[in-house]
N, C-alpha and C. Protein backbone atom coordinates (compact mmCIF):
# COMPACT_ATOMS: atom_id res chain seq x y z
N MET A 1 -1.93 9.45 -8.73
CA MET A 1 -2.94 8.86 -7.86
C MET A 1 -2.24 8.21 -6.70
N ARG A 2 -2.88 8.23 -5.55
CA ARG A 2 -2.33 7.59 -4.35
C ARG A 2 -2.74 6.11 -4.39
N VAL A 3 -1.73 5.25 -4.29
CA VAL A 3 -1.95 3.82 -4.42
C VAL A 3 -1.37 3.10 -3.21
N TRP A 4 -2.15 2.15 -2.64
CA TRP A 4 -1.72 1.28 -1.55
C TRP A 4 -1.25 -0.01 -2.19
N ILE A 5 0.03 -0.32 -2.02
CA ILE A 5 0.66 -1.43 -2.75
C ILE A 5 1.09 -2.51 -1.78
N PRO A 6 0.42 -3.66 -1.81
CA PRO A 6 0.88 -4.77 -0.97
C PRO A 6 2.18 -5.33 -1.55
N VAL A 7 3.17 -5.53 -0.68
CA VAL A 7 4.47 -6.00 -1.15
C VAL A 7 4.93 -7.19 -0.31
N SER A 8 5.70 -8.02 -0.93
CA SER A 8 6.32 -9.15 -0.22
C SER A 8 7.59 -8.67 0.47
N VAL A 9 8.08 -9.46 1.38
CA VAL A 9 9.35 -9.13 2.06
C VAL A 9 10.47 -9.05 1.03
N GLU A 10 10.46 -9.93 0.03
CA GLU A 10 11.49 -9.92 -1.01
C GLU A 10 11.44 -8.61 -1.80
N GLN A 11 10.23 -8.20 -2.23
CA GLN A 11 10.09 -6.94 -2.94
C GLN A 11 10.59 -5.77 -2.08
N PHE A 12 10.23 -5.81 -0.82
CA PHE A 12 10.59 -4.75 0.11
C PHE A 12 12.09 -4.67 0.29
N ASN A 13 12.74 -5.83 0.44
CA ASN A 13 14.20 -5.85 0.60
C ASN A 13 14.89 -5.36 -0.67
N GLU A 14 14.38 -5.72 -1.84
CA GLU A 14 14.92 -5.24 -3.09
C GLU A 14 14.78 -3.71 -3.19
N PHE A 15 13.63 -3.20 -2.77
CA PHE A 15 13.39 -1.75 -2.75
C PHE A 15 14.42 -1.05 -1.86
N LYS A 16 14.70 -1.62 -0.69
CA LYS A 16 15.65 -0.99 0.23
C LYS A 16 17.05 -0.88 -0.39
N VAL A 17 17.43 -1.89 -1.18
CA VAL A 17 18.76 -1.91 -1.79
C VAL A 17 18.83 -1.03 -3.02
N VAL A 18 17.84 -1.18 -3.91
CA VAL A 18 17.88 -0.54 -5.22
C VAL A 18 17.28 0.87 -5.18
N GLY A 19 16.34 1.12 -4.27
CA GLY A 19 15.68 2.40 -4.20
C GLY A 19 14.52 2.57 -5.17
N VAL A 20 14.12 1.45 -5.79
CA VAL A 20 12.99 1.45 -6.73
C VAL A 20 12.11 0.24 -6.38
N LEU A 21 10.83 0.49 -6.32
CA LEU A 21 9.87 -0.58 -6.02
C LEU A 21 9.22 -1.05 -7.32
N THR A 22 9.30 -2.33 -7.56
CA THR A 22 8.64 -2.91 -8.72
C THR A 22 7.44 -3.71 -8.21
N ALA A 23 6.27 -3.26 -8.67
CA ALA A 23 5.02 -3.91 -8.29
C ALA A 23 4.06 -3.82 -9.46
N ASN A 24 3.21 -4.82 -9.60
CA ASN A 24 2.27 -4.85 -10.72
C ASN A 24 0.92 -4.30 -10.38
N HIS A 25 0.54 -4.36 -9.11
CA HIS A 25 -0.82 -3.93 -8.77
C HIS A 25 -0.88 -3.30 -7.38
N GLY A 26 -1.97 -2.60 -7.15
CA GLY A 26 -2.23 -1.96 -5.86
C GLY A 26 -3.69 -1.64 -5.75
N TYR A 27 -4.02 -0.80 -4.80
CA TYR A 27 -5.42 -0.42 -4.53
C TYR A 27 -5.49 1.08 -4.36
N ALA A 28 -6.57 1.67 -4.85
CA ALA A 28 -6.78 3.10 -4.71
C ALA A 28 -8.25 3.36 -4.38
N VAL A 29 -8.51 4.51 -3.80
CA VAL A 29 -9.87 4.89 -3.48
C VAL A 29 -10.48 5.41 -4.78
N THR A 30 -11.02 4.49 -5.57
CA THR A 30 -11.67 4.87 -6.82
C THR A 30 -13.09 5.33 -6.52
N GLU A 31 -13.67 6.05 -7.44
CA GLU A 31 -15.04 6.54 -7.25
C GLU A 31 -16.01 5.38 -7.08
N GLY A 32 -15.84 4.34 -7.91
CA GLY A 32 -16.73 3.17 -7.81
C GLY A 32 -16.60 2.46 -6.46
N TRP A 33 -15.38 2.33 -5.99
CA TRP A 33 -15.17 1.66 -4.70
C TRP A 33 -15.73 2.51 -3.58
N ALA A 34 -15.47 3.81 -3.62
CA ALA A 34 -15.94 4.71 -2.56
C ALA A 34 -17.46 4.73 -2.45
N GLN A 35 -18.14 4.56 -3.56
CA GLN A 35 -19.60 4.57 -3.56
C GLN A 35 -20.19 3.36 -2.86
N THR A 36 -19.42 2.32 -2.69
CA THR A 36 -19.93 1.12 -2.00
C THR A 36 -19.93 1.29 -0.48
N TRP A 37 -19.32 2.38 0.00
CA TRP A 37 -19.24 2.65 1.43
C TRP A 37 -20.21 3.75 1.80
N ASP A 38 -20.78 3.64 2.97
CA ASP A 38 -21.65 4.70 3.48
C ASP A 38 -20.78 5.69 4.26
N GLU A 39 -19.84 6.27 3.54
CA GLU A 39 -18.82 7.11 4.18
C GLU A 39 -18.29 8.08 3.12
N SER A 40 -18.03 9.31 3.55
CA SER A 40 -17.44 10.27 2.62
C SER A 40 -16.12 10.86 3.15
N ASP A 41 -15.76 10.54 4.37
CA ASP A 41 -14.53 11.05 4.96
C ASP A 41 -13.32 10.37 4.27
N PRO A 42 -12.46 11.15 3.61
CA PRO A 42 -11.32 10.55 2.89
C PRO A 42 -10.39 9.74 3.79
N GLU A 43 -10.20 10.17 5.03
CA GLU A 43 -9.33 9.40 5.93
C GLU A 43 -9.90 8.03 6.27
N VAL A 44 -11.20 7.95 6.45
CA VAL A 44 -11.83 6.66 6.72
C VAL A 44 -11.74 5.77 5.50
N LEU A 45 -11.99 6.32 4.31
CA LEU A 45 -11.88 5.54 3.09
C LEU A 45 -10.45 5.03 2.87
N GLU A 46 -9.46 5.88 3.18
CA GLU A 46 -8.07 5.44 3.04
C GLU A 46 -7.74 4.32 4.04
N ALA A 47 -8.28 4.39 5.22
CA ALA A 47 -8.07 3.33 6.20
C ALA A 47 -8.69 2.03 5.72
N GLU A 48 -9.83 2.12 5.06
CA GLU A 48 -10.50 0.92 4.53
C GLU A 48 -9.73 0.32 3.35
N ILE A 49 -9.20 1.18 2.47
CA ILE A 49 -8.45 0.66 1.32
C ILE A 49 -7.13 0.01 1.81
N LEU A 50 -6.57 0.54 2.91
CA LEU A 50 -5.40 -0.10 3.52
C LEU A 50 -5.75 -1.53 3.94
N GLN A 51 -6.93 -1.71 4.52
CA GLN A 51 -7.34 -3.05 4.93
C GLN A 51 -7.51 -3.97 3.71
N GLU A 52 -8.00 -3.43 2.60
CA GLU A 52 -8.11 -4.23 1.37
C GLU A 52 -6.72 -4.70 0.93
N ALA A 53 -5.78 -3.78 0.87
CA ALA A 53 -4.42 -4.14 0.49
C ALA A 53 -3.81 -5.09 1.49
N GLY A 54 -4.16 -4.91 2.77
CA GLY A 54 -3.64 -5.76 3.83
C GLY A 54 -4.12 -7.18 3.77
N LEU A 55 -5.17 -7.45 3.03
CA LEU A 55 -5.62 -8.83 2.85
C LEU A 55 -4.62 -9.61 1.99
N VAL A 56 -3.83 -8.88 1.19
CA VAL A 56 -2.85 -9.50 0.31
C VAL A 56 -1.51 -9.64 0.99
N SER A 57 -1.11 -8.63 1.78
CA SER A 57 0.20 -8.65 2.44
C SER A 57 0.15 -7.80 3.70
N ARG A 58 1.00 -8.16 4.68
CA ARG A 58 1.10 -7.36 5.91
C ARG A 58 2.06 -6.21 5.77
N LEU A 59 2.65 -6.04 4.58
CA LEU A 59 3.50 -4.89 4.25
C LEU A 59 2.82 -4.14 3.12
N VAL A 60 2.50 -2.87 3.34
CA VAL A 60 1.83 -2.07 2.32
C VAL A 60 2.57 -0.75 2.19
N VAL A 61 2.94 -0.43 0.97
CA VAL A 61 3.61 0.82 0.66
C VAL A 61 2.59 1.75 0.01
N VAL A 62 2.57 3.00 0.44
CA VAL A 62 1.69 4.00 -0.16
C VAL A 62 2.53 4.92 -1.01
N ALA A 63 2.13 5.08 -2.27
CA ALA A 63 2.91 5.90 -3.19
C ALA A 63 2.02 6.73 -4.10
N GLU A 64 2.53 7.85 -4.50
CA GLU A 64 1.90 8.65 -5.55
C GLU A 64 2.52 8.16 -6.85
N CYS A 65 1.70 7.53 -7.70
CA CYS A 65 2.22 6.98 -8.94
C CYS A 65 1.10 6.89 -9.99
N GLN A 66 1.50 6.65 -11.19
CA GLN A 66 0.54 6.45 -12.25
C GLN A 66 0.06 5.01 -12.17
N GLY A 67 -1.22 4.86 -12.51
CA GLY A 67 -1.78 3.53 -12.51
C GLY A 67 -3.03 3.51 -13.38
N ASP A 68 -3.40 2.34 -13.78
CA ASP A 68 -4.61 2.13 -14.59
C ASP A 68 -5.61 1.38 -13.74
N VAL A 69 -6.83 1.87 -13.70
CA VAL A 69 -7.88 1.22 -12.92
C VAL A 69 -8.25 -0.10 -13.62
N LYS A 70 -8.02 -1.21 -12.91
CA LYS A 70 -8.41 -2.53 -13.43
C LYS A 70 -9.84 -2.83 -13.08
N ASN A 71 -10.24 -2.49 -11.85
CA ASN A 71 -11.59 -2.78 -11.40
C ASN A 71 -12.03 -1.66 -10.47
N PRO A 72 -12.86 -0.73 -10.96
CA PRO A 72 -13.24 0.41 -10.13
C PRO A 72 -14.04 0.04 -8.90
N GLU A 73 -14.77 -1.09 -8.92
CA GLU A 73 -15.58 -1.47 -7.77
C GLU A 73 -14.75 -2.04 -6.63
N THR A 74 -13.61 -2.64 -6.95
CA THR A 74 -12.73 -3.18 -5.91
C THR A 74 -11.54 -2.28 -5.62
N GLY A 75 -11.37 -1.23 -6.42
CA GLY A 75 -10.25 -0.31 -6.22
C GLY A 75 -8.93 -0.85 -6.74
N GLN A 76 -8.95 -1.94 -7.50
CA GLN A 76 -7.69 -2.53 -7.98
C GLN A 76 -7.09 -1.70 -9.12
N ILE A 77 -5.80 -1.48 -9.00
CA ILE A 77 -5.05 -0.65 -9.93
C ILE A 77 -3.88 -1.46 -10.47
N SER A 78 -3.61 -1.34 -11.77
CA SER A 78 -2.37 -1.91 -12.31
C SER A 78 -1.34 -0.80 -12.37
N ILE A 79 -0.12 -1.15 -12.06
CA ILE A 79 0.98 -0.18 -11.98
C ILE A 79 1.95 -0.49 -13.12
N PRO A 80 1.99 0.37 -14.15
CA PRO A 80 2.81 0.06 -15.33
C PRO A 80 4.30 0.32 -15.17
N ASN A 81 4.69 1.19 -14.21
CA ASN A 81 6.10 1.59 -14.11
C ASN A 81 6.63 1.36 -12.71
N PRO A 82 7.95 1.12 -12.58
CA PRO A 82 8.56 1.04 -11.25
C PRO A 82 8.35 2.35 -10.49
N ILE A 83 8.37 2.26 -9.18
CA ILE A 83 8.11 3.40 -8.32
C ILE A 83 9.41 3.85 -7.66
N ALA A 84 9.75 5.11 -7.89
CA ALA A 84 10.98 5.67 -7.31
C ALA A 84 10.80 5.92 -5.82
N LYS A 85 11.88 5.91 -5.12
CA LYS A 85 11.87 6.12 -3.68
C LYS A 85 11.19 7.44 -3.31
N ALA A 86 11.36 8.47 -4.11
CA ALA A 86 10.77 9.78 -3.84
C ALA A 86 9.24 9.76 -3.94
N GLN A 87 8.67 8.78 -4.58
CA GLN A 87 7.22 8.67 -4.71
C GLN A 87 6.56 8.01 -3.50
N ILE A 88 7.35 7.35 -2.66
CA ILE A 88 6.84 6.66 -1.50
C ILE A 88 6.43 7.68 -0.43
N GLN A 89 5.20 7.57 0.05
CA GLN A 89 4.70 8.50 1.06
C GLN A 89 4.62 7.89 2.44
N ALA A 90 4.44 6.57 2.52
CA ALA A 90 4.30 5.90 3.80
C ALA A 90 4.49 4.41 3.61
N ILE A 91 4.77 3.76 4.71
CA ILE A 91 4.87 2.31 4.77
C ILE A 91 4.00 1.86 5.94
N PHE A 92 3.18 0.86 5.72
CA PHE A 92 2.37 0.29 6.78
C PHE A 92 2.79 -1.16 6.96
N ALA A 93 2.90 -1.56 8.23
CA ALA A 93 3.29 -2.95 8.54
C ALA A 93 2.42 -3.47 9.67
N ALA A 94 2.09 -4.73 9.57
CA ALA A 94 1.33 -5.41 10.61
C ALA A 94 2.10 -6.66 11.02
N THR A 95 1.91 -7.08 12.25
CA THR A 95 2.58 -8.29 12.75
C THR A 95 1.72 -9.51 12.41
N GLU A 96 2.32 -10.66 12.50
CA GLU A 96 1.59 -11.89 12.25
C GLU A 96 0.49 -12.10 13.28
N ALA A 97 0.76 -11.71 14.53
CA ALA A 97 -0.21 -11.87 15.61
C ALA A 97 -1.43 -10.96 15.43
N GLN A 98 -1.22 -9.79 14.83
CA GLN A 98 -2.32 -8.82 14.60
C GLN A 98 -2.27 -8.34 13.15
N PRO A 99 -2.68 -9.18 12.21
CA PRO A 99 -2.52 -8.87 10.79
C PRO A 99 -3.37 -7.71 10.28
N GLN A 100 -4.35 -7.27 11.04
CA GLN A 100 -5.19 -6.16 10.58
C GLN A 100 -4.89 -4.86 11.31
N GLU A 101 -3.91 -4.89 12.21
CA GLU A 101 -3.51 -3.69 12.97
C GLU A 101 -2.22 -3.14 12.36
N PHE A 102 -2.35 -2.21 11.44
CA PHE A 102 -1.21 -1.65 10.75
C PHE A 102 -0.63 -0.47 11.51
N LEU A 103 0.70 -0.43 11.55
CA LEU A 103 1.42 0.68 12.14
C LEU A 103 2.04 1.49 11.01
N TRP A 104 1.96 2.80 11.10
CA TRP A 104 2.47 3.70 10.09
C TRP A 104 3.96 3.95 10.30
N PHE A 105 4.71 3.93 9.17
CA PHE A 105 6.11 4.27 9.17
C PHE A 105 6.35 5.27 8.05
N GLY A 106 7.23 6.21 8.29
CA GLY A 106 7.56 7.19 7.25
C GLY A 106 8.38 6.54 6.14
N PRO A 107 8.48 7.21 5.02
CA PRO A 107 9.23 6.65 3.87
C PRO A 107 10.71 6.45 4.15
N THR A 108 11.24 7.08 5.18
CA THR A 108 12.65 6.91 5.53
C THR A 108 12.86 5.83 6.59
N GLU A 109 11.79 5.09 6.92
CA GLU A 109 11.88 4.08 7.98
C GLU A 109 11.62 2.65 7.49
N PRO A 110 12.19 2.25 6.36
CA PRO A 110 11.91 0.89 5.88
C PRO A 110 12.43 -0.19 6.80
N GLU A 111 13.59 0.06 7.44
CA GLU A 111 14.14 -0.94 8.37
C GLU A 111 13.22 -1.15 9.56
N GLU A 112 12.72 -0.08 10.12
CA GLU A 112 11.84 -0.16 11.27
C GLU A 112 10.54 -0.89 10.89
N ALA A 113 10.03 -0.61 9.71
CA ALA A 113 8.80 -1.27 9.25
C ALA A 113 9.01 -2.77 9.13
N LEU A 114 10.15 -3.16 8.60
CA LEU A 114 10.44 -4.58 8.43
C LEU A 114 10.62 -5.26 9.78
N VAL A 115 11.26 -4.60 10.73
CA VAL A 115 11.43 -5.16 12.08
C VAL A 115 10.05 -5.37 12.73
N TRP A 116 9.18 -4.37 12.61
CA TRP A 116 7.84 -4.49 13.18
C TRP A 116 7.07 -5.62 12.52
N HIS A 117 7.14 -5.71 11.22
CA HIS A 117 6.45 -6.77 10.46
C HIS A 117 6.92 -8.15 10.91
N SER A 118 8.20 -8.26 11.22
CA SER A 118 8.78 -9.56 11.61
C SER A 118 8.60 -9.90 13.07
N SER A 119 8.09 -8.94 13.88
CA SER A 119 7.97 -9.19 15.31
C SER A 119 6.75 -10.04 15.64
């Protein structure tokens, strides 16, 4: 399942060094959550779930990983296992001045994402 994972700077720095992301929870476009929107376009729903994750942190990692749905209405997912670098599909970062304006970074651009987040 594709999961949007809000991460702290500390988690992100550890991921850069170790190559494994340890996180307990994230957000996914669950059927229950998607039904609360008057929208069926997957890209729009993914943009909205990014905003949900962005309420927790201005750094959000998107990964294909296993997860257990904690709350289908809110899209909250528990993540039982660490996430390998190869599972990371994207990194989103927002600045403090514009916390809801996320910029996309590829999985090979963690340094650039962190610089943007810190700007």
